[in-house]
Amino acid sequence: MRVLVTGGAGFIGSHVSELALADGHDVHVIDNLSRGKRENVPDGAEFHEMDLCRDDTIEFIKKLCPERVLHHAAQVSVPRSLEKPEEDLRINVSASLRLF
């Protein structure tokens, strides 16, 4: 099964990717590396450095046509969300709505 893991270079997303690979799935990871690290993406997963807020990323996902999406991408810094609430909304809500 083709599985897309957003935020797959982060702590939780990378572990979820490992589990999906261990179950024999075709794993694709999307992460913009704003907090995650490329070295966290497990071997065997196909990595795409992309931002969910961009139209070309959404088009890529449509073409990829994953059977499952495991959505772990987010802006998680509370101080940053208080400093820039509109950015937090754009990343955590608007991008998620566009994904689904």
Protein backbone atom coordinates (compact mmCIF):
# COMPACT_ATOMS: atom_id res chain seq x y z
CA MET A 1 0.00 0.00 0.00
CA ARG A 2 1.28 3.49 -0.82
CA VAL A 3 1.47 5.51 2.41
CA LEU A 4 2.21 9.22 2.68
CA VAL A 5 3.66 10.46 5.97
CA THR A 6 3.65 14.23 6.36
CA GLY A 7 6.16 15.55 8.86
CA GLY A 8 8.06 12.30 8.40
CA ALA A 9 11.43 13.84 9.26
CA GLY A 10 10.24 14.68 12.76
CA PHE A 11 10.30 12.45 15.83
CA ILE A 12 6.82 10.93 15.57
CA GLY A 13 6.59 10.93 11.78
CA SER A 14 9.92 9.15 11.37
CA HIS A 15 8.87 6.38 13.77
CA VAL A 16 5.51 6.01 12.04
CA SER A 17 7.39 5.73 8.74
CA GLU A 18 9.58 2.97 10.18
CA LEU A 19 6.52 1.01 11.28
CA ALA A 20 4.86 1.39 7.87
CA LEU A 21 8.04 0.21 6.14
CA ALA A 22 8.29 -2.77 8.51
CA ASP A 23 4.74 -3.70 7.48
CA GLY A 24 5.87 -3.72 3.84
CA HIS A 25 4.25 -0.48 2.69
CA ASP A 26 5.56 1.87 -0.02
CA VAL A 27 6.32 4.90 2.17
CA HIS A 28 6.63 8.47 0.93
CA VAL A 29 7.67 11.20 3.36
CA ILE A 30 6.94 14.88 2.88
CA ASP A 31 8.67 17.35 5.19
CA ASN A 32 9.83 20.94 4.73
CA LEU A 33 12.66 20.37 7.25
CA SER A 34 11.71 23.45 9.25
CA ARG A 35 12.12 21.37 12.43
CA GLY A 36 12.66 17.81 11.24
CA LYS A 37 15.98 16.42 10.06
CA ARG A 38 16.65 14.59 6.81
CA GLU A 39 18.65 11.93 8.68
CA ASN A 40 15.50 11.00 10.65
CA VAL A 41 13.81 9.69 7.50
CA PRO A 42 14.27 5.91 7.54
CA ASP A 43 16.07 4.07 4.77
CA GLY A 44 13.56 2.71 2.33
CA ALA A 45 11.21 5.68 2.52
CA GLU A 46 11.11 8.02 -0.45
CA PHE A 47 11.77 11.56 0.79
CA HIS A 48 10.26 14.70 -0.74
CA GLU A 49 11.33 18.06 0.67
CA MET A 50 8.11 19.99 0.21
CA ASP A 51 5.82 22.41 2.03
CA LEU A 52 2.13 21.54 2.47
CA CYS A 53 1.22 25.23 2.16
CA ARG A 54 2.32 25.26 -1.49
CA ASP A 55 0.03 24.46 -4.42
CA ASP A 56 2.68 22.36 -6.18
CA THR A 57 2.91 20.09 -3.13
CA ILE A 58 -0.85 19.47 -3.18
CA GLU A 59 -0.65 18.70 -6.91
CA PHE A 60 2.21 16.28 -6.24
CA ILE A 61 0.15 14.48 -3.59
CA LYS A 62 -2.80 14.18 -5.99
CA LYS A 63 -0.50 12.57 -8.58
CA LEU A 64 1.11 10.33 -5.97
CA CYS A 65 -2.37 9.10 -5.05
CA PRO A 66 -1.55 7.59 -1.64
CA GLU A 67 -3.92 5.02 -0.24
CA ARG A 68 -3.27 6.26 3.30
CA VAL A 69 -2.14 9.64 4.63
CA LEU A 70 -0.59 9.80 8.09
CA HIS A 71 -0.54 13.52 8.83
CA HIS A 72 2.10 14.59 11.37
CA ALA A 73 3.26 17.90 9.86
CA ALA A 74 2.63 20.89 12.10
CA GLN A 75 4.02 24.07 13.55
CA VAL A 76 4.39 22.97 17.17
CA SER A 77 6.11 25.89 18.90
CA VAL A 78 3.72 27.55 21.36
CA PRO A 79 5.78 30.78 21.60
CA ARG A 80 5.83 31.04 17.81
CA SER A 81 2.07 30.46 17.61
CA LEU A 82 1.55 33.31 20.08
CA GLU A 83 3.90 35.61 18.16
CA LYS A 84 2.48 34.76 14.73
CA PRO A 85 -1.03 33.34 15.13
CA GLU A 86 -1.95 33.82 11.44
CA GLU A 87 1.07 31.78 10.38
CA ASP A 88 0.15 29.09 12.90
CA LEU A 89 -3.39 28.97 11.49
CA ARG A 90 -2.09 28.78 7.91
CA ILE A 91 0.28 25.90 8.70
CA ASN A 92 -1.77 23.89 11.18
CA VAL A 93 -5.30 24.37 9.88
CA SER A 94 -5.37 25.62 6.30
CA ALA A 95 -2.66 23.25 5.06
CA SER A 96 -4.39 20.32 6.78
CA LEU A 97 -7.73 21.18 5.17
CA ARG A 98 -6.11 21.36 1.73
CA LEU A 99 -4.48 17.99 2.29
CA PHE A 100 -7.83 16.28 2.74
